[in-house]
Amino acid sequence: QVRLVESGGGLVQPGGSLKLSCAASGFTFSDYSMNWYRQAPGKEREMVAEITHNGGWTSYADSVKGRFTISRENVKNTVYLQMNALRPEDTAVYYCSGLGNWGQGTQVTVST
């Protein structure tokens, strides 16, 4: 079955960086677009970034443009989210999504 496992979250100071990873299995990863979403406490889940099956096109939420970069390695069945210049408002649980499935999420906390 489809399995998505996120990793790389943690506590970081404002202005810092983190790189999230999502390892996929159970489907032909290279055939599908992948997405990163996030959900902050008391807020709805929002899409952060999207990447096409071959990495040829990406899209970002306005709130993260210029700071976050989505990428993928199809040989490793993994999608990444490089997050730079982190802000307290980026604090959320970050989820990987593909083929209508979701991972369990990884917590990112931006705080002093």
PDB file of N, CA and C in Angstrom:
ATOM      1  N   GLN A   1       0.825  -1.174   0.000  1.00  0.00           N
ATOM      2  CA  GLN A   1       0.000   0.000   0.000  1.00  0.00           C
ATOM      3  C   GLN A   1       0.879   1.251   0.000  1.00  0.00           C
ATOM      4  N   VAL A   2       0.250   2.397  -0.308  1.00  0.00           N
ATOM      5  CA  VAL A   2       0.988   3.655  -0.341  1.00  0.00           C
ATOM      6  C   VAL A   2       1.426   4.022   1.065  1.00  0.00           C
ATOM      7  N   ARG A   3       2.697   4.403   1.181  1.00  0.00           N
ATOM      8  CA  ARG A   3       3.219   4.851   2.461  1.00  0.00           C
ATOM      9  C   ARG A   3       4.088   6.069   2.236  1.00  0.00           C
ATOM     10  N   LEU A   4       3.851   7.101   3.056  1.00  0.00           N
ATOM     11  CA  LEU A   4       4.627   8.332   3.011  1.00  0.00           C
ATOM     12  C   LEU A   4       5.139   8.615   4.414  1.00  0.00           C
ATOM     13  N   VAL A   5       6.446   8.784   4.550  1.00  0.00           N
ATOM     14  CA  VAL A   5       7.047   8.977   5.869  1.00  0.00           C
ATOM     15  C   VAL A   5       7.898  10.234   5.852  1.00  0.00           C
ATOM     16  N   GLU A   6       7.435  11.231   6.616  1.00  0.00           N
ATOM     17  CA  GLU A   6       8.171  12.489   6.698  1.00  0.00           C
ATOM     18  C   GLU A   6       9.216  12.442   7.802  1.00  0.00           C
ATOM     19  N   SER A   7      10.254  13.227   7.644  1.00  0.00           N
ATOM     20  CA  SER A   7      11.285  13.374   8.665  1.00  0.00           C
ATOM     21  C   SER A   7      11.962  14.724   8.491  1.00  0.00           C
ATOM     22  N   GLY A   8      12.723  15.131   9.514  1.00  0.00           N
ATOM     23  CA  GLY A   8      13.513  16.343   9.405  1.00  0.00           C
ATOM     24  C   GLY A   8      12.981  17.535  10.171  1.00  0.00           C
ATOM     25  N   GLY A   9      11.816  17.399  10.789  1.00  0.00           N
ATOM     26  CA  GLY A   9      11.280  18.511  11.551  1.00  0.00           C
ATOM     27  C   GLY A   9      12.067  18.737  12.836  1.00  0.00           C
ATOM     28  N   GLY A  10      11.721  19.815  13.526  1.00  0.00           N
ATOM     29  CA  GLY A  10      12.389  20.108  14.786  1.00  0.00           C
ATOM     30  C   GLY A  10      12.175  21.538  15.211  1.00  0.00           C
ATOM     31  N   LEU A  11      12.956  21.951  16.197  1.00  0.00           N
ATOM     32  CA  LEU A  11      12.900  23.305  16.735  1.00  0.00           C
ATOM     33  C   LEU A  11      14.046  24.107  16.132  1.00  0.00           C
ATOM     34  N   VAL A  12      13.732  25.280  15.611  1.00  0.00           N
ATOM     35  CA  VAL A  12      14.752  26.129  14.993  1.00  0.00           C
ATOM     36  C   VAL A  12      14.453  27.580  15.348  1.00  0.00           C
ATOM     37  N   GLN A  13      15.483  28.376  15.436  1.00  0.00           N
ATOM     38  CA  GLN A  13      15.302  29.790  15.730  1.00  0.00           C
ATOM     39  C   GLN A  13      14.855  30.552  14.488  1.00  0.00           C
ATOM     40  N   PRO A  14      14.176  31.669  14.668  1.00  0.00           N
ATOM     41  CA  PRO A  14      13.806  32.497  13.513  1.00  0.00           C
ATOM     42  C   PRO A  14      15.034  32.834  12.677  1.00  0.00           C
ATOM     43  N   GLY A  15      14.867  32.751  11.357  1.00  0.00           N
ATOM     44  CA  GLY A  15      15.976  32.968  10.441  1.00  0.00           C
ATOM     45  C   GLY A  15      16.743  31.709  10.099  1.00  0.00           C
ATOM     46  N   GLY A  16      16.464  30.632  10.807  1.00  0.00           N
ATOM     47  CA  GLY A  16      17.168  29.376  10.574  1.00  0.00           C
ATOM     48  C   GLY A  16      16.606  28.574   9.419  1.00  0.00           C
ATOM     49  N   SER A  17      17.183  27.391   9.227  1.00  0.00           N
ATOM     50  CA  SER A  17      16.805  26.528   8.109  1.00  0.00           C
ATOM     51  C   SER A  17      16.546  25.104   8.586  1.00  0.00           C
ATOM     52  N   LEU A  18      15.693  24.415   7.853  1.00  0.00           N
ATOM     53  CA  LEU A  18      15.447  22.989   8.037  1.00  0.00           C
ATOM     54  C   LEU A  18      15.206  22.383   6.667  1.00  0.00           C
ATOM     55  N   LYS A  19      15.523  21.094   6.541  1.00  0.00           N
ATOM     56  CA  LYS A  19      15.201  20.378   5.318  1.00  0.00           C
ATOM     57  C   LYS A  19      14.368  19.161   5.679  1.00  0.00           C
ATOM     58  N   LEU A  20      13.144  19.142   5.177  1.00  0.00           N
ATOM     59  CA  LEU A  20      12.249  18.014   5.392  1.00  0.00           C
ATOM     60  C   LEU A  20      12.411  17.003   4.259  1.00  0.00           C
ATOM     61  N   SER A  21      12.223  15.741   4.612  1.00  0.00           N
ATOM     62  CA  SER A  21      12.248  14.662   3.626  1.00  0.00           C
ATOM     63  C   SER A  21      10.965  13.850   3.746  1.00  0.00           C
ATOM     64  N   CYS A  22      10.560  13.281   2.638  1.00  0.00           N
ATOM     65  CA  CYS A  22       9.399  12.389   2.617  1.00  0.00           C
ATOM     66  C   CYS A  22       9.757  11.183   1.763  1.00  0.00           C
ATOM     67  N   ALA A  23       9.847  10.030   2.406  1.00  0.00           N
ATOM     68  CA  ALA A  23      10.150   8.789   1.704  1.00  0.00           C
ATOM     69  C   ALA A  23       8.852   8.105   1.317  1.00  0.00           C
ATOM     70  N   ALA A  24       8.717   7.799   0.032  1.00  0.00           N
ATOM     71  CA  ALA A  24       7.483   7.210  -0.493  1.00  0.00           C
ATOM     72  C   ALA A  24       7.709   5.751  -0.884  1.00  0.00           C
ATOM     73  N   SER A  25       6.653   4.957  -0.747  1.00  0.00           N
ATOM     74  CA  SER A  25       6.693   3.571  -1.182  1.00  0.00           C
ATOM     75  C   SER A  25       5.287   3.106  -1.514  1.00  0.00           C
ATOM     76  N   GLY A  26       5.212   2.015  -2.259  1.00  0.00           N
ATOM     77  CA  GLY A  26       3.915   1.430  -2.560  1.00  0.00           C
ATOM     78  C   GLY A  26       3.282   1.909  -3.847  1.00  0.00           C
ATOM     79  N   PHE A  27       3.971   2.772  -4.578  1.00  0.00           N
ATOM     80  CA  PHE A  27       3.466   3.228  -5.867  1.00  0.00           C
ATOM     81  C   PHE A  27       4.660   3.678  -6.712  1.00  0.00           C
ATOM     82  N   THR A  28       4.404   3.903  -7.994  1.00  0.00           N
ATOM     83  CA  THR A  28       5.464   4.326  -8.899  1.00  0.00           C
ATOM     84  C   THR A  28       5.682   5.822  -8.720  1.00  0.00           C
ATOM     85  N   PHE A  29       6.587   6.141  -7.822  1.00  0.00           N
ATOM     86  CA  PHE A  29       6.800   7.519  -7.369  1.00  0.00           C
ATOM     87  C   PHE A  29       7.027   8.477  -8.528  1.00  0.00           C
ATOM     88  N   SER A  30       7.794   8.060  -9.503  1.00  0.00           N
ATOM     89  CA  SER A  30       8.198   8.954 -10.596  1.00  0.00           C
ATOM     90  C   SER A  30       7.051   9.299 -11.536  1.00  0.00           C
ATOM     91  N   ASP A  31       5.891   8.682 -11.344  1.00  0.00           N
ATOM     92  CA  ASP A  31       4.732   8.969 -12.196  1.00  0.00           C
ATOM     93  C   ASP A  31       3.837  10.076 -11.645  1.00  0.00           C
ATOM     94  N   TYR A  32       4.088  10.531 -10.418  1.00  0.00           N
ATOM     95  CA  TYR A  32       3.116  11.394  -9.752  1.00  0.00           C
ATOM     96  C   TYR A  32       3.698  12.681  -9.204  1.00  0.00           C
ATOM     97  N   SER A  33       2.871  13.737  -9.285  1.00  0.00           N
ATOM     98  CA  SER A  33       3.191  14.968  -8.578  1.00  0.00           C
ATOM     99  C   SER A  33       3.142  14.714  -7.073  1.00  0.00           C
ATOM    100  N   MET A  34       3.891  15.536  -6.364  1.00  0.00           N
ATOM    101  CA  MET A  34       3.904  15.443  -4.902  1.00  0.00           C
ATOM    102  C   MET A  34       3.728  16.838  -4.308  1.00  0.00           C
ATOM    103  N   ASN A  35       3.206  16.860  -3.101  1.00  0.00           N
ATOM    104  CA  ASN A  35       2.917  18.127  -2.444  1.00  0.00           C
ATOM    105  C   ASN A  35       3.405  18.120  -0.992  1.00  0.00           C
ATOM    106  N   TRP A  36       3.703  19.301  -0.507  1.00  0.00           N
ATOM    107  CA  TRP A  36       3.874  19.526   0.930  1.00  0.00           C
ATOM    108  C   TRP A  36       2.741  20.440   1.391  1.00  0.00           C
ATOM    109  N   TYR A  37       2.140  20.066   2.502  1.00  0.00           N
ATOM    110  CA  TYR A  37       1.118  20.863   3.153  1.00  0.00           C
ATOM    111  C   TYR A  37       1.588  21.157   4.580  1.00  0.00           C
ATOM    112  N   ARG A  38       0.909  22.089   5.213  1.00  0.00           N
ATOM    113  CA  ARG A  38       1.152  22.325   6.635  1.00  0.00           C
ATOM    114  C   ARG A  38      -0.146  22.712   7.328  1.00  0.00           C
ATOM    115  N   GLN A  39      -0.174  22.435   8.623  1.00  0.00           N
ATOM    116  CA  GLN A  39      -1.327  22.809   9.431  1.00  0.00           C
ATOM    117  C   GLN A  39      -0.843  23.352  10.767  1.00  0.00           C
ATOM    118  N   ALA A  40      -1.157  24.621  10.990  1.00  0.00           N
ATOM    119  CA  ALA A  40      -0.814  25.267  12.249  1.00  0.00           C
ATOM    120  C   ALA A  40      -1.957  25.082  13.234  1.00  0.00           C
ATOM    121  N   PRO A  41      -1.677  25.183  14.526  1.00  0.00           N
ATOM    122  CA  PRO A  41      -2.730  25.022  15.533  1.00  0.00           C
ATOM    123  C   PRO A  41      -3.893  25.977  15.285  1.00  0.00           C
ATOM    124  N   GLY A  42      -5.094  25.444  15.254  1.00  0.00           N
ATOM    125  CA  GLY A  42      -6.288  26.252  15.074  1.00  0.00           C
ATOM    126  C   GLY A  42      -6.534  26.738  13.666  1.00  0.00           C
ATOM    127  N   LYS A  43      -5.716  26.286  12.720  1.00  0.00           N
ATOM    128  CA  LYS A  43      -5.870  26.725  11.334  1.00  0.00           C
ATOM    129  C   LYS A  43      -6.116  25.536  10.420  1.00  0.00           C
ATOM    130  N   GLU A  44      -6.633  25.829   9.228  1.00  0.00           N
ATOM    131  CA  GLU A  44      -6.856  24.781   8.244  1.00  0.00           C
ATOM    132  C   GLU A  44      -5.531  24.379   7.592  1.00  0.00           C
ATOM    133  N   ARG A  45      -5.524  23.166   7.086  1.00  0.00           N
ATOM    134  CA  ARG A  45      -4.350  22.698   6.364  1.00  0.00           C
ATOM    135  C   ARG A  45      -4.207  23.495   5.073  1.00  0.00           C
ATOM    136  N   GLU A  46      -2.990  23.910   4.747  1.00  0.00           N
ATOM    137  CA  GLU A  46      -2.758  24.684   3.537  1.00  0.00           C
ATOM    138  C   GLU A  46      -1.624  24.053   2.724  1.00  0.00           C
ATOM    139  N   MET A  47      -1.730  24.179   1.401  1.00  0.00           N
ATOM    140  CA  MET A  47      -0.662  23.667   0.554  1.00  0.00           C
ATOM    141  C   MET A  47       0.501  24.637   0.567  1.00  0.00           C
ATOM    142  N   VAL A  48       1.672  24.102   0.730  1.00  0.00           N
ATOM    143  CA  VAL A  48       2.894  24.890   0.787  1.00  0.00           C
ATOM    144  C   VAL A  48       3.622  24.868  -0.548  1.00  0.00           C
ATOM    145  N   ALA A  49       3.740  23.676  -1.141  1.00  0.00           N
ATOM    146  CA  ALA A  49       4.516  23.547  -2.373  1.00  0.00           C
ATOM    147  C   ALA A  49       4.084  22.301  -3.126  1.00  0.00           C
ATOM    148  N   GLU A  50       4.277  22.346  -4.426  1.00  0.00           N
ATOM    149  CA  GLU A  50       3.932  21.225  -5.298  1.00  0.00           C
ATOM    150  C   GLU A  50       5.040  21.047  -6.331  1.00  0.00           C
ATOM    151  N   ILE A  51       5.261  19.798  -6.720  1.00  0.00           N
ATOM    152  CA  ILE A  51       6.265  19.504  -7.741  1.00  0.00           C
ATOM    153  C   ILE A  51       5.719  18.428  -8.664  1.00  0.00           C
ATOM    154  N   THR A  52       5.934  18.592  -9.959  1.00  0.00           N
ATOM    155  CA  THR A  52       5.457  17.614 -10.924  1.00  0.00           C
ATOM    156  C   THR A  52       6.291  16.338 -10.877  1.00  0.00           C
ATOM    157  N   HIS A  53       5.847  15.329 -11.600  1.00  0.00           N
ATOM    158  CA  HIS A  53       6.435  13.998 -11.478  1.00  0.00           C
ATOM    159  C   HIS A  53       7.922  13.967 -11.788  1.00  0.00           C
ATOM    160  N   ASN A  54       8.351  14.840 -12.727  1.00  0.00           N
ATOM    161  CA  ASN A  54       9.766  14.848 -13.108  1.00  0.00           C
ATOM    162  C   ASN A  54      10.523  16.050 -12.557  1.00  0.00           C
ATOM    163  N   GLY A  55       9.860  16.825 -11.708  1.00  0.00           N
ATOM    164  CA  GLY A  55      10.516  17.989 -11.123  1.00  0.00           C
ATOM    165  C   GLY A  55      10.596  19.184 -12.046  1.00  0.00           C
ATOM    166  N   GLY A  56       9.929  19.116 -13.195  1.00  0.00           N
ATOM    167  CA  GLY A  56      10.057  20.172 -14.178  1.00  0.00           C
ATOM    168  C   GLY A  56       9.275  21.435 -13.876  1.00  0.00           C
ATOM    169  N   TRP A  57       8.340  21.336 -12.958  1.00  0.00           N
ATOM    170  CA  TRP A  57       7.516  22.491 -12.605  1.00  0.00           C
ATOM    171  C   TRP A  57       7.230  22.447 -11.121  1.00  0.00           C
ATOM    172  N   THR A  58       7.329  23.588 -10.488  1.00  0.00           N
ATOM    173  CA  THR A  58       7.034  23.704  -9.065  1.00  0.00           C
ATOM    174  C   THR A  58       6.118  24.900  -8.825  1.00  0.00           C
ATOM    175  N   SER A  59       5.421  24.850  -7.704  1.00  0.00           N
ATOM    176  CA  SER A  59       4.525  25.938  -7.328  1.00  0.00           C
ATOM    177  C   SER A  59       4.586  26.107  -5.818  1.00  0.00           C
ATOM    178  N   TYR A  60       4.411  27.360  -5.367  1.00  0.00           N
ATOM    179  CA  TYR A  60       4.534  27.650  -3.945  1.00  0.00           C
ATOM    180  C   TYR A  60       3.412  28.562  -3.465  1.00  0.00           C
ATOM    181  N   ALA A  61       3.058  28.425  -2.204  1.00  0.00           N
ATOM    182  CA  ALA A  61       2.182  29.391  -1.566  1.00  0.00           C
ATOM    183  C   ALA A  61       2.911  30.728  -1.497  1.00  0.00           C
ATOM    184  N   ASP A  62       2.151  31.802  -1.607  1.00  0.00           N
ATOM    185  CA  ASP A  62       2.773  33.136  -1.566  1.00  0.00           C
ATOM    186  C   ASP A  62       3.575  33.356  -0.290  1.00  0.00           C
ATOM    187  N   SER A  63       3.105  32.759   0.798  1.00  0.00           N
ATOM    188  CA  SER A  63       3.737  32.982   2.095  1.00  0.00           C
ATOM    189  C   SER A  63       5.137  32.380   2.193  1.00  0.00           C
ATOM    190  N   VAL A  64       5.492  31.463   1.291  1.00  0.00           N
ATOM    191  CA  VAL A  64       6.803  30.815   1.378  1.00  0.00           C
ATOM    192  C   VAL A  64       7.661  31.047   0.147  1.00  0.00           C
ATOM    193  N   LYS A  65       7.143  31.719  -0.857  1.00  0.00           N
ATOM    194  CA  LYS A  65       7.924  31.965  -2.077  1.00  0.00           C
ATOM    195  C   LYS A  65       9.226  32.685  -1.757  1.00  0.00           C
ATOM    196  N   GLY A  66      10.297  32.194  -2.373  1.00  0.00           N
ATOM    197  CA  GLY A  66      11.600  32.793  -2.159  1.00  0.00           C
ATOM    198  C   GLY A  66      12.323  32.289  -0.927  1.00  0.00           C
ATOM    199  N   ARG A  67      11.610  31.538  -0.068  1.00  0.00           N
ATOM    200  CA  ARG A  67      12.231  31.002   1.148  1.00  0.00           C
ATOM    201  C   ARG A  67      12.279  29.473   1.143  1.00  0.00           C
ATOM    202  N   PHE A  68      11.277  28.832   0.564  1.00  0.00           N
ATOM    203  CA  PHE A  68      11.183  27.376   0.547  1.00  0.00           C
ATOM    204  C   PHE A  68      11.452  26.861  -0.863  1.00  0.00           C
ATOM    205  N   THR A  69      12.045  25.675  -0.943  1.00  0.00           N
ATOM    206  CA  THR A  69      12.290  25.027  -2.229  1.00  0.00           C
ATOM    207  C   THR A  69      11.901  23.558  -2.139  1.00  0.00           C
ATOM    208  N   ILE A  70      11.028  23.133  -3.041  1.00  0.00           N
ATOM    209  CA  ILE A  70      10.650  21.730  -3.124  1.00  0.00           C
ATOM    210  C   ILE A  70      11.488  21.068  -4.205  1.00  0.00           C
ATOM    211  N   SER A  71      11.902  19.838  -3.951  1.00  0.00           N
ATOM    212  CA  SER A  71      12.690  19.093  -4.930  1.00  0.00           C
ATOM    213  C   SER A  71      12.407  17.604  -4.728  1.00  0.00           C
ATOM    214  N   ARG A  72      12.898  16.793  -5.654  1.00  0.00           N
ATOM    215  CA  ARG A  72      12.679  15.353  -5.537  1.00  0.00           C
ATOM    216  C   ARG A  72      13.814  14.584  -6.160  1.00  0.00           C
ATOM    217  N   GLU A  73      14.013  13.382  -5.645  1.00  0.00           N
ATOM    218  CA  GLU A  73      14.961  12.424  -6.211  1.00  0.00           C
ATOM    219  C   GLU A  73      14.183  11.154  -6.512  1.00  0.00           C
ATOM    220  N   ASN A  74      13.829  10.975  -7.770  1.00  0.00           N
ATOM    221  CA  ASN A  74      12.987   9.826  -8.122  1.00  0.00           C
ATOM    222  C   ASN A  74      13.720   8.501  -7.914  1.00  0.00           C
ATOM    223  N   VAL A  75      15.041   8.500  -8.027  1.00  0.00           N
ATOM    224  CA  VAL A  75      15.771   7.248  -7.815  1.00  0.00           C
ATOM    225  C   VAL A  75      15.717   6.817  -6.347  1.00  0.00           C
ATOM    226  N   LYS A  76      15.453   7.792  -5.468  1.00  0.00           N
ATOM    227  CA  LYS A  76      15.353   7.493  -4.037  1.00  0.00           C
ATOM    228  C   LYS A  76      13.913   7.504  -3.540  1.00  0.00           C
ATOM    229  N   ASN A  77      12.953   7.734  -4.442  1.00  0.00           N
ATOM    230  CA  ASN A  77      11.534   7.819  -4.047  1.00  0.00           C
ATOM    231  C   ASN A  77      11.331   8.811  -2.903  1.00  0.00           C
ATOM    232  N   THR A  78      11.970   9.953  -3.009  1.00  0.00           N
ATOM    233  CA  THR A  78      11.955  10.927  -1.924  1.00  0.00           C
ATOM    234  C   THR A  78      11.693  12.331  -2.461  1.00  0.00           C
ATOM    235  N   VAL A  79      10.871  13.062  -1.728  1.00  0.00           N
ATOM    236  CA  VAL A  79      10.634  14.470  -2.016  1.00  0.00           C
ATOM    237  C   VAL A  79      11.110  15.275  -0.812  1.00  0.00           C
ATOM    238  N   TYR A  80      11.638  16.465  -1.079  1.00  0.00           N
ATOM    239  CA  TYR A  80      12.240  17.296  -0.042  1.00  0.00           C
ATOM    240  C   TYR A  80      11.568  18.660   0.014  1.00  0.00           C
ATOM    241  N   LEU A  81      11.714  19.310   1.161  1.00  0.00           N
ATOM    242  CA  LEU A  81      11.317  20.704   1.306  1.00  0.00           C
ATOM    243  C   LEU A  81      12.420  21.413   2.074  1.00  0.00           C
ATOM    244  N   GLN A  82      13.197  22.223   1.351  1.00  0.00           N
ATOM    245  CA  GLN A  82      14.226  23.033   1.986  1.00  0.00           C
ATOM    246  C   GLN A  82      13.582  24.337   2.438  1.00  0.00           C
ATOM    247  N   MET A  83      13.687  24.616   3.723  1.00  0.00           N
ATOM    248  CA  MET A  83      13.046  25.793   4.305  1.00  0.00           C
ATOM    249  C   MET A  83      14.111  26.706   4.878  1.00  0.00           C
ATOM    250  N   ASN A  84      14.212  27.899   4.315  1.00  0.00           N
ATOM    251  CA  ASN A  84      15.180  28.895   4.774  1.00  0.00           C
ATOM    252  C   ASN A  84      14.455  30.121   5.331  1.00  0.00           C
ATOM    253  N   ALA A  85      15.190  30.944   6.045  1.00  0.00           N
ATOM    254  CA  ALA A  85      14.639  32.186   6.603  1.00  0.00           C
ATOM    255  C   ALA A  85      13.328  31.916   7.324  1.00  0.00           C
ATOM    256  N   LEU A  86      13.333  30.910   8.177  1.00  0.00           N
ATOM    257  CA  LEU A  86      12.103  30.499   8.859  1.00  0.00           C
ATOM    258  C   LEU A  86      11.603  31.570   9.804  1.00  0.00           C
ATOM    259  N   ARG A  87      10.282  31.640   9.896  1.00  0.00           N
ATOM    260  CA  ARG A  87       9.598  32.630  10.734  1.00  0.00           C
ATOM    261  C   ARG A  87       8.722  31.905  11.748  1.00  0.00           C
ATOM    262  N   PRO A  88       8.386  32.563  12.842  1.00  0.00           N
ATOM    263  CA  PRO A  88       7.492  31.917  13.812  1.00  0.00           C
ATOM    264  C   PRO A  88       6.181  31.458  13.187  1.00  0.00           C
ATOM    265  N   GLU A  89       5.695  32.190  12.212  1.00  0.00           N
ATOM    266  CA  GLU A  89       4.428  31.813  11.562  1.00  0.00           C
ATOM    267  C   GLU A  89       4.550  30.580  10.669  1.00  0.00           C
ATOM    268  N   ASP A  90       5.755  30.079  10.476  1.00  0.00           N
ATOM    269  CA  ASP A  90       5.934  28.822   9.753  1.00  0.00           C
ATOM    270  C   ASP A  90       5.746  27.610  10.667  1.00  0.00           C
ATOM    271  N   THR A  91       5.579  27.849  11.955  1.00  0.00           N
ATOM    272  CA  THR A  91       5.354  26.758  12.904  1.00  0.00           C
ATOM    273  C   THR A  91       4.082  26.002  12.548  1.00  0.00           C
ATOM    274  N   ALA A  92       4.217  24.697  12.361  1.00  0.00           N
ATOM    275  CA  ALA A  92       3.088  23.864  11.942  1.00  0.00           C
ATOM    276  C   ALA A  92       3.544  22.409  11.878  1.00  0.00           C
ATOM    277  N   VAL A  93       2.584  21.538  11.700  1.00  0.00           N
ATOM    278  CA  VAL A  93       2.887  20.166  11.315  1.00  0.00           C
ATOM    279  C   VAL A  93       2.918  20.133   9.784  1.00  0.00           C
ATOM    280  N   TYR A  94       3.995  19.615   9.239  1.00  0.00           N
ATOM    281  CA  TYR A  94       4.175  19.556   7.791  1.00  0.00           C
ATOM    282  C   TYR A  94       3.908  18.139   7.305  1.00  0.00           C
ATOM    283  N   TYR A  95       3.086  18.060   6.260  1.00  0.00           N
ATOM    284  CA  TYR A  95       2.667  16.779   5.712  1.00  0.00           C
ATOM    285  C   TYR A  95       3.089  16.654   4.255  1.00  0.00           C
ATOM    286  N   CYS A  96       3.478  15.444   3.906  1.00  0.00           N
ATOM    287  CA  CYS A  96       3.751  15.085   2.526  1.00  0.00           C
ATOM    288  C   CYS A  96       2.470  14.441   1.965  1.00  0.00           C
ATOM    289  N   SER A  97       2.180  14.728   0.704  1.00  0.00           N
ATOM    290  CA  SER A  97       0.979  14.160   0.090  1.00  0.00           C
ATOM    291  C   SER A  97       1.247  13.770  -1.347  1.00  0.00           C
ATOM    292  N   GLY A  98       0.687  12.635  -1.733  1.00  0.00           N
ATOM    293  CA  GLY A  98       0.778  12.187  -3.106  1.00  0.00           C
ATOM    294  C   GLY A  98      -0.215  11.087  -3.361  1.00  0.00           C
ATOM    295  N   LEU A  99      -0.757  11.041  -4.556  1.00  0.00           N
ATOM    296  CA  LEU A  99      -1.708  10.001  -4.948  1.00  0.00           C
ATOM    297  C   LEU A  99      -2.875   9.924  -3.964  1.00  0.00           C
ATOM    298  N   GLY A 100      -3.255  11.073  -3.422  1.00  0.00           N
ATOM    299  CA  GLY A 100      -4.380  11.121  -2.502  1.00  0.00           C
ATOM    300  C   GLY A 100      -4.084  10.603  -1.115  1.00  0.00           C
ATOM    301  N   ASN A 101      -2.835  10.340  -0.824  1.00  0.00           N
ATOM    302  CA  ASN A 101      -2.448   9.836   0.486  1.00  0.00           C
ATOM    303  C   ASN A 101      -1.615  10.867   1.254  1.00  0.00           C
ATOM    304  N   TRP A 102      -1.540  10.648   2.571  1.00  0.00           N
ATOM    305  CA  TRP A 102      -0.842  11.571   3.454  1.00  0.00           C
ATOM    306  C   TRP A 102       0.120  10.809   4.350  1.00  0.00           C
ATOM    307  N   GLY A 103       1.209  11.498   4.698  1.00  0.00           N
ATOM    308  CA  GLY A 103       2.071  10.959   5.724  1.00  0.00           C
ATOM    309  C   GLY A 103       1.538  11.316   7.103  1.00  0.00           C
ATOM    310  N   GLN A 104       2.317  10.956   8.132  1.00  0.00           N
ATOM    311  CA  GLN A 104       1.890  11.205   9.505  1.00  0.00           C
ATOM    312  C   GLN A 104       2.232  12.611   9.965  1.00  0.00           C
ATOM    313  N   GLY A 105       3.069  13.297   9.219  1.00  0.00           N
ATOM    314  CA  GLY A 105       3.429  14.660   9.550  1.00  0.00           C
ATOM    315  C   GLY A 105       4.694  14.754  10.383  1.00  0.00           C
ATOM    316  N   THR A 106       5.355  15.905  10.303  1.00  0.00           N
ATOM    317  CA  THR A 106       6.533  16.190  11.111  1.00  0.00           C
ATOM    318  C   THR A 106       6.409  17.621  11.630  1.00  0.00           C
ATOM    319  N   GLN A 107       6.658  17.787  12.925  1.00  0.00           N
ATOM    320  CA  GLN A 107       6.464  19.084  13.575  1.00  0.00           C
ATOM    321  C   GLN A 107       7.645  20.007  13.297  1.00  0.00           C
ATOM    322  N   VAL A 108       7.327  21.213  12.882  1.00  0.00           N
ATOM    323  CA  VAL A 108       8.327  22.273  12.734  1.00  0.00           C
ATOM    324  C   VAL A 108       7.936  23.406  13.672  1.00  0.00           C
ATOM    325  N   THR A 109       8.844  23.776  14.554  1.00  0.00           N
ATOM    326  CA  THR A 109       8.603  24.861  15.498  1.00  0.00           C
ATOM    327  C   THR A 109       9.694  25.900  15.331  1.00  0.00           C
ATOM    328  N   VAL A 110       9.272  27.124  15.063  1.00  0.00           N
ATOM    329  CA  VAL A 110      10.211  28.242  14.891  1.00  0.00           C
ATOM    330  C   VAL A 110      10.020  29.185  16.072  1.00  0.00           C
ATOM    331  N   SER A 111      11.023  29.213  16.927  1.00  0.00           N
ATOM    332  CA  SER A 111      10.881  29.973  18.158  1.00  0.00           C
ATOM    333  C   SER A 111      12.247  30.258  18.750  1.00  0.00           C
ATOM    334  N   THR A 112      12.310  31.333  19.543  1.00  0.00           N
ATOM    335  CA  THR A 112      13.521  31.624  20.296  1.00  0.00           C
ATOM    336  C   THR A 112      13.513  30.859  21.603  1.00  0.00           C
TER     337      THR A 112
END
